[in-house]
Amino acid sequence: MYIIKVKGVAKIPDYVQLRDENFTLLAYFRVDRPDKSLEKIGLADKASYIMKIVDELPFGKIKEIQL
């Protein structure tokens, strides 16, 4: 799985994308509101781990993660 942090501009907030090994979009959520999206794809129990990575990840970089 891949994680990407996207910098918002003006009134558009920062977002996170979660993508699978084929780079298909699995989830797209605001950095400050991950709960509903992660719950929808069955990763609610891994939310704190994912958000820790998001906090450390620079904008525009892609990071491969193992869940």
PDB file of N, CA and C in Angstrom:
ATOM      1  N   MET A   1       0.847  -1.161   0.000  1.00  0.00           N
ATOM      2  CA  MET A   1       0.000   0.000   0.000  1.00  0.00           C
ATOM      3  C   MET A   1       0.898   1.231   0.000  1.00  0.00           C
ATOM      4  N   TYR A   2       0.430   2.268  -0.664  1.00  0.00           N
ATOM      5  CA  TYR A   2       1.173   3.525  -0.755  1.00  0.00           C
ATOM      6  C   TYR A   2       0.372   4.634  -0.109  1.00  0.00           C
ATOM      7  N   ILE A   3       1.096   5.590   0.476  1.00  0.00           N
ATOM      8  CA  ILE A   3       0.457   6.745   1.100  1.00  0.00           C
ATOM      9  C   ILE A   3       1.096   8.009   0.536  1.00  0.00           C
ATOM     10  N   ILE A   4       0.251   8.987   0.235  1.00  0.00           N
ATOM     11  CA  ILE A   4       0.690  10.257  -0.345  1.00  0.00           C
ATOM     12  C   ILE A   4      -0.002  11.382   0.408  1.00  0.00           C
ATOM     13  N   LYS A   5       0.756  12.394   0.804  1.00  0.00           N
ATOM     14  CA  LYS A   5       0.178  13.561   1.475  1.00  0.00           C
ATOM     15  C   LYS A   5       0.198  14.715   0.473  1.00  0.00           C
ATOM     16  N   VAL A   6      -0.986  15.291   0.230  1.00  0.00           N
ATOM     17  CA  VAL A   6      -1.158  16.330  -0.778  1.00  0.00           C
ATOM     18  C   VAL A   6      -1.430  17.659  -0.095  1.00  0.00           C
ATOM     19  N   LYS A   7      -0.643  18.677  -0.431  1.00  0.00           N
ATOM     20  CA  LYS A   7      -0.791  20.009   0.148  1.00  0.00           C
ATOM     21  C   LYS A   7      -1.960  20.733  -0.488  1.00  0.00           C
ATOM     22  N   GLY A   8      -2.861  21.231   0.336  1.00  0.00           N
ATOM     23  CA  GLY A   8      -3.979  22.026  -0.154  1.00  0.00           C
ATOM     24  C   GLY A   8      -3.529  23.436  -0.480  1.00  0.00           C
ATOM     25  N   VAL A   9      -4.349  24.135  -1.253  1.00  0.00           N
ATOM     26  CA  VAL A   9      -4.069  25.522  -1.592  1.00  0.00           C
ATOM     27  C   VAL A   9      -5.302  26.365  -1.281  1.00  0.00           C
ATOM     28  N   ALA A  10      -5.063  27.598  -0.853  1.00  0.00           N
ATOM     29  CA  ALA A  10      -6.134  28.539  -0.523  1.00  0.00           C
ATOM     30  C   ALA A  10      -7.127  27.895   0.449  1.00  0.00           C
ATOM     31  N   LYS A  11      -8.371  27.695   0.027  1.00  0.00           N
ATOM     32  CA  LYS A  11      -9.393  27.142   0.913  1.00  0.00           C
ATOM     33  C   LYS A  11      -9.495  25.621   0.848  1.00  0.00           C
ATOM     34  N   ILE A  12      -8.682  24.987   0.012  1.00  0.00           N
ATOM     35  CA  ILE A  12      -8.686  23.532  -0.097  1.00  0.00           C
ATOM     36  C   ILE A  12      -7.728  22.974   0.951  1.00  0.00           C
ATOM     37  N   PRO A  13      -8.213  22.085   1.834  1.00  0.00           N
ATOM     38  CA  PRO A  13      -7.351  21.559   2.905  1.00  0.00           C
ATOM     39  C   PRO A  13      -6.350  20.514   2.405  1.00  0.00           C
ATOM     40  N   ASP A  14      -5.421  20.153   3.287  1.00  0.00           N
ATOM     41  CA  ASP A  14      -4.460  19.086   2.990  1.00  0.00           C
ATOM     42  C   ASP A  14      -5.190  17.746   2.980  1.00  0.00           C
ATOM     43  N   TYR A  15      -4.776  16.864   2.084  1.00  0.00           N
ATOM     44  CA  TYR A  15      -5.408  15.554   1.939  1.00  0.00           C
ATOM     45  C   TYR A  15      -4.381  14.439   1.951  1.00  0.00           C
ATOM     46  N   VAL A  16      -4.866  13.227   2.218  1.00  0.00           N
ATOM     47  CA  VAL A  16      -4.047  12.019   2.175  1.00  0.00           C
ATOM     48  C   VAL A  16      -4.697  11.061   1.192  1.00  0.00           C
ATOM     49  N   GLN A  17      -3.879  10.396   0.398  1.00  0.00           N
ATOM     50  CA  GLN A  17      -4.361   9.348  -0.511  1.00  0.00           C
ATOM     51  C   GLN A  17      -3.737   8.032  -0.074  1.00  0.00           C
ATOM     52  N   LEU A  18      -4.552   6.990  -0.012  1.00  0.00           N
ATOM     53  CA  LEU A  18      -4.068   5.633   0.191  1.00  0.00           C
ATOM     54  C   LEU A  18      -4.311   4.877  -1.100  1.00  0.00           C
ATOM     55  N   ARG A  19      -3.271   4.240  -1.615  1.00  0.00           N
ATOM     56  CA  ARG A  19      -3.371   3.518  -2.886  1.00  0.00           C
ATOM     57  C   ARG A  19      -2.814   2.107  -2.716  1.00  0.00           C
ATOM     58  N   ASP A  20      -3.358   1.161  -3.499  1.00  0.00           N
ATOM     59  CA  ASP A  20      -2.899  -0.230  -3.418  1.00  0.00           C
ATOM     60  C   ASP A  20      -1.668  -0.434  -4.300  1.00  0.00           C
ATOM     61  N   GLU A  21      -1.219  -1.694  -4.404  1.00  0.00           N
ATOM     62  CA  GLU A  21       0.001  -2.002  -5.170  1.00  0.00           C
ATOM     63  C   GLU A  21      -0.124  -1.696  -6.662  1.00  0.00           C
ATOM     64  N   ASN A  22      -1.355  -1.628  -7.183  1.00  0.00           N
ATOM     65  CA  ASN A  22      -1.587  -1.241  -8.579  1.00  0.00           C
ATOM     66  C   ASN A  22      -1.820   0.258  -8.722  1.00  0.00           C
ATOM     67  N   PHE A  23      -1.639   0.975  -7.622  1.00  0.00           N
ATOM     68  CA  PHE A  23      -1.804   2.417  -7.516  1.00  0.00           C
ATOM     69  C   PHE A  23      -3.260   2.860  -7.691  1.00  0.00           C
ATOM     70  N   THR A  24      -4.191   1.954  -7.420  1.00  0.00           N
ATOM     71  CA  THR A  24      -5.616   2.274  -7.437  1.00  0.00           C
ATOM     72  C   THR A  24      -5.955   3.000  -6.141  1.00  0.00           C
ATOM     73  N   LEU A  25      -6.714   4.075  -6.237  1.00  0.00           N
ATOM     74  CA  LEU A  25      -7.091   4.860  -5.072  1.00  0.00           C
ATOM     75  C   LEU A  25      -8.022   4.062  -4.169  1.00  0.00           C
ATOM     76  N   LEU A  26      -7.631   3.893  -2.906  1.00  0.00           N
ATOM     77  CA  LEU A  26      -8.455   3.192  -1.916  1.00  0.00           C
ATOM     78  C   LEU A  26      -9.191   4.165  -1.016  1.00  0.00           C
ATOM     79  N   ALA A  27      -8.508   5.243  -0.630  1.00  0.00           N
ATOM     80  CA  ALA A  27      -9.108   6.234   0.260  1.00  0.00           C
ATOM     81  C   ALA A  27      -8.487   7.591  -0.016  1.00  0.00           C
ATOM     82  N   TYR A  28      -9.291   8.614   0.177  1.00  0.00           N
ATOM     83  CA  TYR A  28      -8.879  10.004  -0.018  1.00  0.00           C
ATOM     84  C   TYR A  28      -9.545  10.780   1.098  1.00  0.00           C
ATOM     85  N   PHE A  29      -8.762  11.326   2.029  1.00  0.00           N
ATOM     86  CA  PHE A  29      -9.367  11.987   3.184  1.00  0.00           C
ATOM     87  C   PHE A  29      -8.543  13.171   3.642  1.00  0.00           C
ATOM     88  N   ARG A  30      -9.229  14.075   4.347  1.00  0.00           N
ATOM     89  CA  ARG A  30      -8.555  15.231   4.918  1.00  0.00           C
ATOM     90  C   ARG A  30      -7.632  14.774   6.030  1.00  0.00           C
ATOM     91  N   VAL A  31      -6.524  15.455   6.176  1.00  0.00           N
ATOM     92  CA  VAL A  31      -5.551  15.102   7.201  1.00  0.00           C
ATOM     93  C   VAL A  31      -6.186  15.174   8.590  1.00  0.00           C
ATOM     94  N   ASP A  32      -7.080  16.120   8.802  1.00  0.00           N
ATOM     95  CA  ASP A  32      -7.693  16.289  10.115  1.00  0.00           C
ATOM     96  C   ASP A  32      -8.952  15.443  10.329  1.00  0.00           C
ATOM     97  N   ARG A  33      -9.395  14.660   9.330  1.00  0.00           N
ATOM     98  CA  ARG A  33     -10.597  13.836   9.455  1.00  0.00           C
ATOM     99  C   ARG A  33     -10.443  12.466   8.786  1.00  0.00           C
ATOM    100  N   PRO A  34      -9.573  11.622   9.321  1.00  0.00           N
ATOM    101  CA  PRO A  34      -9.326  10.326   8.668  1.00  0.00           C
ATOM    102  C   PRO A  34     -10.317   9.226   9.049  1.00  0.00           C
ATOM    103  N   ASP A  35     -11.021   9.375  10.160  1.00  0.00           N
ATOM    104  CA  ASP A  35     -11.779   8.275  10.756  1.00  0.00           C
ATOM    105  C   ASP A  35     -12.775   7.591   9.836  1.00  0.00           C
ATOM    106  N   LYS A  36     -13.660   8.339   9.221  1.00  0.00           N
ATOM    107  CA  LYS A  36     -14.722   7.754   8.405  1.00  0.00           C
ATOM    108  C   LYS A  36     -14.162   6.996   7.190  1.00  0.00           C
ATOM    109  N   SER A  37     -13.197   7.580   6.522  1.00  0.00           N
ATOM    110  CA  SER A  37     -12.610   6.943   5.333  1.00  0.00           C
ATOM    111  C   SER A  37     -11.858   5.669   5.685  1.00  0.00           C
ATOM    112  N   LEU A  38     -11.094   5.696   6.769  1.00  0.00           N
ATOM    113  CA  LEU A  38     -10.347   4.508   7.168  1.00  0.00           C
ATOM    114  C   LEU A  38     -11.288   3.406   7.639  1.00  0.00           C
ATOM    115  N   GLU A  39     -12.366   3.786   8.307  1.00  0.00           N
ATOM    116  CA  GLU A  39     -13.361   2.804   8.730  1.00  0.00           C
ATOM    117  C   GLU A  39     -14.021   2.143   7.521  1.00  0.00           C
ATOM    118  N   LYS A  40     -14.293   2.942   6.498  1.00  0.00           N
ATOM    119  CA  LYS A  40     -14.957   2.444   5.290  1.00  0.00           C
ATOM    120  C   LYS A  40     -14.141   1.363   4.574  1.00  0.00           C
ATOM    121  N   ILE A  41     -12.813   1.474   4.591  1.00  0.00           N
ATOM    122  CA  ILE A  41     -11.974   0.484   3.906  1.00  0.00           C
ATOM    123  C   ILE A  41     -11.402  -0.561   4.874  1.00  0.00           C
ATOM    124  N   GLY A  42     -11.887  -0.547   6.123  1.00  0.00           N
ATOM    125  CA  GLY A  42     -11.497  -1.571   7.085  1.00  0.00           C
ATOM    126  C   GLY A  42     -10.168  -1.354   7.775  1.00  0.00           C
ATOM    127  N   LEU A  43      -9.703  -0.117   7.830  1.00  0.00           N
ATOM    128  CA  LEU A  43      -8.424   0.172   8.467  1.00  0.00           C
ATOM    129  C   LEU A  43      -8.563   1.050   9.713  1.00  0.00           C
ATOM    130  N   ALA A  44      -9.741   1.090  10.293  1.00  0.00           N
ATOM    131  CA  ALA A  44      -9.973   1.934  11.473  1.00  0.00           C
ATOM    132  C   ALA A  44      -9.035   1.559  12.620  1.00  0.00           C
ATOM    133  N   ASP A  45      -8.722   0.269  12.755  1.00  0.00           N
ATOM    134  CA  ASP A  45      -7.837  -0.180  13.822  1.00  0.00           C
ATOM    135  C   ASP A  45      -6.381   0.236  13.595  1.00  0.00           C
ATOM    136  N   LYS A  46      -6.035   0.639  12.398  1.00  0.00           N
ATOM    137  CA  LYS A  46      -4.675   1.065  12.068  1.00  0.00           C
ATOM    138  C   LYS A  46      -4.570   2.585  11.899  1.00  0.00           C
ATOM    139  N   ALA A  47      -5.608   3.300  12.290  1.00  0.00           N
ATOM    140  CA  ALA A  47      -5.655   4.758  12.089  1.00  0.00           C
ATOM    141  C   ALA A  47      -4.499   5.478  12.763  1.00  0.00           C
ATOM    142  N   SER A  48      -4.166   5.131  13.996  1.00  0.00           N
ATOM    143  CA  SER A  48      -3.085   5.835  14.690  1.00  0.00           C
ATOM    144  C   SER A  48      -1.737   5.597  14.006  1.00  0.00           C
ATOM    145  N   TYR A  49      -1.502   4.378  13.524  1.00  0.00           N
ATOM    146  CA  TYR A  49      -0.262   4.063  12.793  1.00  0.00           C
ATOM    147  C   TYR A  49      -0.187   4.868  11.494  1.00  0.00           C
ATOM    148  N   ILE A  50      -1.282   4.886  10.743  1.00  0.00           N
ATOM    149  CA  ILE A  50      -1.328   5.609   9.472  1.00  0.00           C
ATOM    150  C   ILE A  50      -1.137   7.106   9.701  1.00  0.00           C
ATOM    151  N   MET A  51      -1.797   7.663  10.708  1.00  0.00           N
ATOM    152  CA  MET A  51      -1.692   9.101  10.952  1.00  0.00           C
ATOM    153  C   MET A  51      -0.311   9.489  11.468  1.00  0.00           C
ATOM    154  N   LYS A  52       0.372   8.588  12.154  1.00  0.00           N
ATOM    155  CA  LYS A  52       1.751   8.864  12.577  1.00  0.00           C
ATOM    156  C   LYS A  52       2.641   9.008  11.346  1.00  0.00           C
ATOM    157  N   ILE A  53       2.450   8.125  10.368  1.00  0.00           N
ATOM    158  CA  ILE A  53       3.205   8.209   9.112  1.00  0.00           C
ATOM    159  C   ILE A  53       2.863   9.500   8.377  1.00  0.00           C
ATOM    160  N   VAL A  54       1.588   9.851   8.340  1.00  0.00           N
ATOM    161  CA  VAL A  54       1.144  11.079   7.664  1.00  0.00           C
ATOM    162  C   VAL A  54       1.809  12.299   8.295  1.00  0.00           C
ATOM    163  N   ASP A  55       1.878  12.348   9.616  1.00  0.00           N
ATOM    164  CA  ASP A  55       2.487  13.488  10.302  1.00  0.00           C
ATOM    165  C   ASP A  55       3.960  13.655   9.931  1.00  0.00           C
ATOM    166  N   GLU A  56       4.662  12.542   9.726  1.00  0.00           N
ATOM    167  CA  GLU A  56       6.096  12.586   9.421  1.00  0.00           C
ATOM    168  C   GLU A  56       6.391  12.742   7.930  1.00  0.00           C
ATOM    169  N   LEU A  57       5.406  12.444   7.090  1.00  0.00           N
ATOM    170  CA  LEU A  57       5.608  12.440   5.643  1.00  0.00           C
ATOM    171  C   LEU A  57       5.576  13.859   5.067  1.00  0.00           C
ATOM    172  N   PRO A  58       6.571  14.242   4.277  1.00  0.00           N
ATOM    173  CA  PRO A  58       6.524  15.555   3.628  1.00  0.00           C
ATOM    174  C   PRO A  58       5.465  15.568   2.521  1.00  0.00           C
ATOM    175  N   PHE A  59       4.956  16.740   2.211  1.00  0.00           N
ATOM    176  CA  PHE A  59       3.956  16.886   1.157  1.00  0.00           C
ATOM    177  C   PHE A  59       4.540  16.475  -0.188  1.00  0.00           C
ATOM    178  N   GLY A  60       3.728  15.774  -0.981  1.00  0.00           N
ATOM    179  CA  GLY A  60       4.112  15.396  -2.330  1.00  0.00           C
ATOM    180  C   GLY A  60       4.979  14.168  -2.440  1.00  0.00           C
ATOM    181  N   LYS A  61       5.332  13.548  -1.338  1.00  0.00           N
ATOM    182  CA  LYS A  61       6.163  12.339  -1.365  1.00  0.00           C
ATOM    183  C   LYS A  61       5.274  11.105  -1.267  1.00  0.00           C
ATOM    184  N   ILE A  62       5.714  10.029  -1.892  1.00  0.00           N
ATOM    185  CA  ILE A  62       5.013   8.756  -1.858  1.00  0.00           C
ATOM    186  C   ILE A  62       5.798   7.806  -0.969  1.00  0.00           C
ATOM    187  N   LYS A  63       5.100   7.143  -0.054  1.00  0.00           N
ATOM    188  CA  LYS A  63       5.759   6.192   0.841  1.00  0.00           C
ATOM    189  C   LYS A  63       5.019   4.873   0.788  1.00  0.00           C
ATOM    190  N   GLU A  64       5.765   3.797   0.642  1.00  0.00           N
ATOM    191  CA  GLU A  64       5.182   2.470   0.666  1.00  0.00           C
ATOM    192  C   GLU A  64       5.100   2.013   2.119  1.00  0.00           C
ATOM    193  N   ILE A  65       3.924   1.509   2.513  1.00  0.00           N
ATOM    194  CA  ILE A  65       3.739   1.018   3.869  1.00  0.00           C
ATOM    195  C   ILE A  65       3.198  -0.410   3.824  1.00  0.00           C
ATOM    196  N   GLN A  66       3.484  -1.161   4.862  1.00  0.00           N
ATOM    197  CA  GLN A  66       2.990  -2.527   5.008  1.00  0.00           C
ATOM    198  C   GLN A  66       1.989  -2.558   6.144  1.00  0.00           C
ATOM    199  N   LEU A  67       0.786  -3.002   5.865  1.00  0.00           N
ATOM    200  CA  LEU A  67      -0.239  -3.099   6.911  1.00  0.00           C
ATOM    201  C   LEU A  67      -0.625  -4.529   7.157  1.00  0.00           C
TER     202      LEU A  67
END
